Amino acid sequence: MIAPCGGPLPALRRIPGERDLMLILGLDPGSLHTGYGLIDCRAGTARAVAAGRWSAPPKLAVADRLKILADGLDELLQRFRPDFAALERPFHGVNSRSVIVLAEARGALLVTLARGGLRVEEYSPAEVKSAVTGSGRAEKGQVARMVGLLLGVATGAFPADATDALAVALCSSQRQSLRRLTEPEGVPK
């Protein structure tokens, strides 16, 4: 079940004794909108649990916008208790003001994740596209279609930020699976 954008988040029932359950939270940070996507990965399969975005009116003071973002993430962390988080790394923009505002949003997210005790990895947009579509140069529409196919959801019902966040979570799931296959046992992951 996926939470609609801005709607209440559904409760997650953990299966007693489930050993391979892993909840991965993907985040697509933005200066005004930040997408989130939570997937449940078990034994090589993934299913969408929640997706949406946090938005703040552009006329709010920066501190108030960051509080909305941090509060939304904190609520999600408390409700779902993900095992791991992944963020999309920013691409280098030309507008220095946008880069600063994005850095502030990322800072709010990273502090909230650290307080929640989550391990965080970051992936470039090209890494995310490659993991989901096979091409690091894929268009947004191609990424959205593959996210829908891989998770069995209609991504058109969600903002692009949420679909991108689900793609980040899928990328993280794929990278973690590859590490488990290639790293010798006993080596920290």
Protein backbone atom coordinates (compact mmCIF):
# COMPACT_ATOMS: atom_id res chain seq x y z
CA MET A 1 0.00 0.00 0.00
CA ILE A 2 1.41 3.37 -0.95
CA ALA A 3 0.58 6.57 0.86
CA PRO A 4 -0.79 9.25 -1.42
CA CYS A 5 1.21 12.44 -1.66
CA GLY A 6 0.57 14.48 1.44
CA GLY A 7 -1.81 11.89 2.90
CA PRO A 8 -1.45 9.84 6.07
CA LEU A 9 1.14 7.11 5.98
CA PRO A 10 -0.19 3.54 6.20
CA ALA A 11 0.78 1.29 9.09
CA LEU A 12 3.34 -1.40 8.30
CA ARG A 13 2.94 -4.84 9.79
CA ARG A 14 6.21 -6.59 10.40
CA ILE A 15 6.04 -10.33 9.93
CA PRO A 16 7.13 -12.13 13.12
CA GLY A 17 10.35 -14.03 12.55
CA GLU A 18 10.93 -12.52 9.09
CA ARG A 19 14.70 -12.64 8.70
CA ASP A 20 15.33 -11.06 5.31
CA LEU A 21 13.02 -8.09 5.68
CA MET A 22 14.75 -4.87 4.77
CA LEU A 23 13.05 -1.53 4.46
CA ILE A 24 14.99 0.92 2.33
CA LEU A 25 14.09 4.60 2.29
CA GLY A 26 15.00 6.50 -0.86
CA LEU A 27 15.09 10.29 -0.81
CA ASP A 28 15.19 12.76 -3.69
CA PRO A 29 16.10 16.08 -2.04
CA GLY A 30 14.92 19.33 -3.53
CA SER A 31 14.83 22.97 -2.53
CA LEU A 32 11.00 23.12 -2.47
CA HIS A 33 9.91 19.48 -2.85
CA THR A 34 11.59 16.39 -1.45
CA GLY A 35 10.43 13.00 -2.62
CA TYR A 36 10.42 9.89 -0.46
CA GLY A 37 9.97 6.26 -1.41
CA LEU A 38 10.06 3.29 0.93
CA ILE A 39 10.48 -0.24 -0.41
CA ASP A 40 10.42 -3.61 1.30
CA CYS A 41 13.10 -5.93 -0.08
CA ARG A 42 13.06 -9.65 0.56
CA ALA A 43 14.90 -12.44 -1.17
CA GLY A 44 15.46 -10.54 -4.39
CA THR A 45 12.01 -8.96 -4.64
CA ALA A 46 10.93 -5.42 -3.86
CA ARG A 47 7.55 -3.90 -3.17
CA ALA A 48 6.58 -0.30 -2.62
CA VAL A 49 5.42 0.50 0.91
CA ALA A 50 5.06 4.30 0.86
CA ALA A 51 5.81 7.15 -1.52
CA GLY A 52 5.11 10.85 -1.67
CA ARG A 53 6.76 14.18 -1.17
CA TRP A 54 7.11 16.93 1.35
CA SER A 55 6.52 20.43 0.06
CA ALA A 56 6.89 23.83 1.64
CA PRO A 57 5.55 27.11 0.32
CA PRO A 58 8.41 29.06 -1.29
CA LYS A 59 7.50 32.22 0.61
CA LEU A 60 8.19 30.60 4.00
CA ALA A 61 11.44 31.43 5.73
CA VAL A 62 14.18 28.89 4.99
CA ALA A 63 14.25 27.69 8.61
CA ASP A 64 10.49 27.00 8.48
CA ARG A 65 10.81 25.08 5.20
CA LEU A 66 13.63 22.97 6.65
CA LYS A 67 11.53 22.27 9.74
CA ILE A 68 8.67 20.97 7.56
CA LEU A 69 11.12 18.70 5.79
CA ALA A 70 12.78 17.41 8.98
CA ASP A 71 9.43 16.91 10.73
CA GLY A 72 8.04 14.95 7.77
CA LEU A 73 11.09 12.71 7.65
CA ASP A 74 11.05 12.22 11.41
CA GLU A 75 7.38 11.14 11.27
CA LEU A 76 8.16 8.68 8.48
CA LEU A 77 11.15 7.24 10.40
CA GLN A 78 9.07 6.76 13.54
CA ARG A 79 6.17 5.16 11.71
CA PHE A 80 8.09 2.77 9.45
CA ARG A 81 11.49 2.32 11.10
CA PRO A 82 13.45 1.77 7.88
CA ASP A 83 16.67 -0.22 8.06
CA PHE A 84 18.63 1.91 5.64
CA ALA A 85 18.42 5.21 3.75
CA ALA A 86 19.73 6.36 0.39
CA LEU A 87 19.87 9.87 -1.06
CA GLU A 88 20.31 11.06 -4.58
CA ARG A 89 23.51 13.09 -4.77
CA PRO A 90 23.00 16.54 -6.28
CA PHE A 91 24.14 17.32 -9.78
CA HIS A 92 26.19 20.47 -10.11
CA GLY A 93 23.84 23.31 -10.94
CA VAL A 94 24.70 26.68 -12.35
CA ASN A 95 22.56 28.78 -10.01
CA SER A 96 24.52 29.23 -6.77
CA ARG A 97 21.39 30.19 -4.79
CA SER A 98 19.68 26.91 -5.78
CA VAL A 99 22.78 24.93 -4.81
CA ILE A 100 22.84 26.59 -1.37
CA VAL A 101 19.14 25.95 -0.72
CA LEU A 102 19.51 22.33 -1.85
CA ALA A 103 22.53 21.90 0.44
CA GLU A 104 20.47 23.20 3.36
CA ALA A 105 17.67 20.71 2.59
CA ARG A 106 20.17 17.86 2.35
CA GLY A 107 21.65 18.94 5.68
CA ALA A 108 18.24 18.79 7.36
CA LEU A 109 17.67 15.31 5.92
CA LEU A 110 21.12 14.00 6.87
CA VAL A 111 20.87 15.26 10.46
CA THR A 112 17.40 13.73 10.85
CA LEU A 113 18.63 10.40 9.43
CA ALA A 114 21.68 10.44 11.72
CA ARG A 115 19.46 11.10 14.75
CA GLY A 116 17.34 8.15 13.64
CA GLY A 117 20.45 5.95 13.65
CA LEU A 118 20.26 5.11 9.95
CA ARG A 119 23.18 4.25 7.74
CA VAL A 120 23.03 6.42 4.62
CA GLU A 121 24.48 5.99 1.16
CA GLU A 122 24.39 8.47 -1.70
CA TYR A 123 24.11 7.80 -5.42
CA SER A 124 24.54 10.09 -8.40
CA PRO A 125 21.59 10.55 -10.77
CA ALA A 126 23.49 8.51 -13.39
CA GLU A 127 24.01 5.63 -10.92
CA VAL A 128 20.29 5.60 -10.09
CA LYS A 129 19.28 5.67 -13.76
CA SER A 130 21.74 2.90 -14.60
CA ALA A 131 20.56 0.68 -11.74
CA VAL A 132 16.90 1.04 -12.71
CA THR A 133 17.03 1.19 -16.52
CA GLY A 134 20.46 -0.12 -17.48
CA SER A 135 21.48 3.29 -18.86
CA GLY A 136 22.93 6.18 -16.89
CA ARG A 137 21.58 8.54 -19.56
CA ALA A 138 17.95 7.43 -19.37
CA GLU A 139 15.20 10.05 -19.50
CA LYS A 140 12.93 10.67 -16.49
CA GLY A 141 10.01 8.96 -18.27
CA GLN A 142 12.06 5.81 -18.83
CA VAL A 143 13.06 5.73 -15.15
CA ALA A 144 9.42 6.18 -14.08
CA ARG A 145 8.24 3.35 -16.36
CA MET A 146 10.90 0.97 -15.02
CA VAL A 147 10.10 1.89 -11.40
CA GLY A 148 6.46 1.04 -12.13
CA LEU A 149 7.39 -2.27 -13.73
CA LEU A 150 9.87 -3.28 -11.01
CA LEU A 151 7.54 -2.40 -8.14
CA GLY A 152 4.21 -3.15 -9.80
CA VAL A 153 2.82 0.33 -9.16
CA ALA A 154 1.28 3.02 -11.34
CA THR A 155 3.89 5.73 -10.95
CA GLY A 156 1.79 8.28 -12.84
CA ALA A 157 -0.28 8.76 -9.69
CA PHE A 158 2.74 10.17 -7.85
CA PRO A 159 4.78 13.33 -8.18
CA ALA A 160 8.04 12.89 -10.09
CA ASP A 161 9.93 13.46 -6.82
CA ALA A 162 8.31 10.36 -5.27
CA THR A 163 9.03 8.22 -8.33
CA ASP A 164 12.65 9.41 -8.29
CA ALA A 165 12.90 8.53 -4.58
CA LEU A 166 11.58 5.01 -5.29
CA ALA A 167 14.28 4.73 -7.98
CA VAL A 168 16.93 5.74 -5.42
CA ALA A 169 15.65 3.03 -3.05
CA LEU A 170 15.76 0.44 -5.87
CA CYS A 171 19.33 1.49 -6.71
CA SER A 172 20.32 1.03 -3.07
CA SER A 173 18.66 -2.39 -2.95
CA GLN A 174 20.54 -3.48 -6.07
CA ARG A 175 23.90 -2.21 -4.77
CA GLN A 176 23.40 -3.94 -1.42
CA SER A 177 22.52 -7.22 -3.15
CA LEU A 178 25.67 -6.97 -5.27
CA ARG A 179 27.80 -6.30 -2.18
CA ARG A 180 26.35 -9.34 -0.40
CA LEU A 181 27.29 -11.48 -3.40
CA THR A 182 30.81 -10.12 -3.84
CA GLU A 183 32.09 -9.42 -0.33
CA PRO A 184 33.53 -12.26 1.72
CA GLU A 185 31.51 -13.25 4.78
CA GLY A 186 32.48 -11.46 7.96
CA VAL A 187 33.41 -8.25 6.16
CA PRO A 188 31.24 -5.34 7.32
CA LYS A 189 28.89 -4.12 4.63
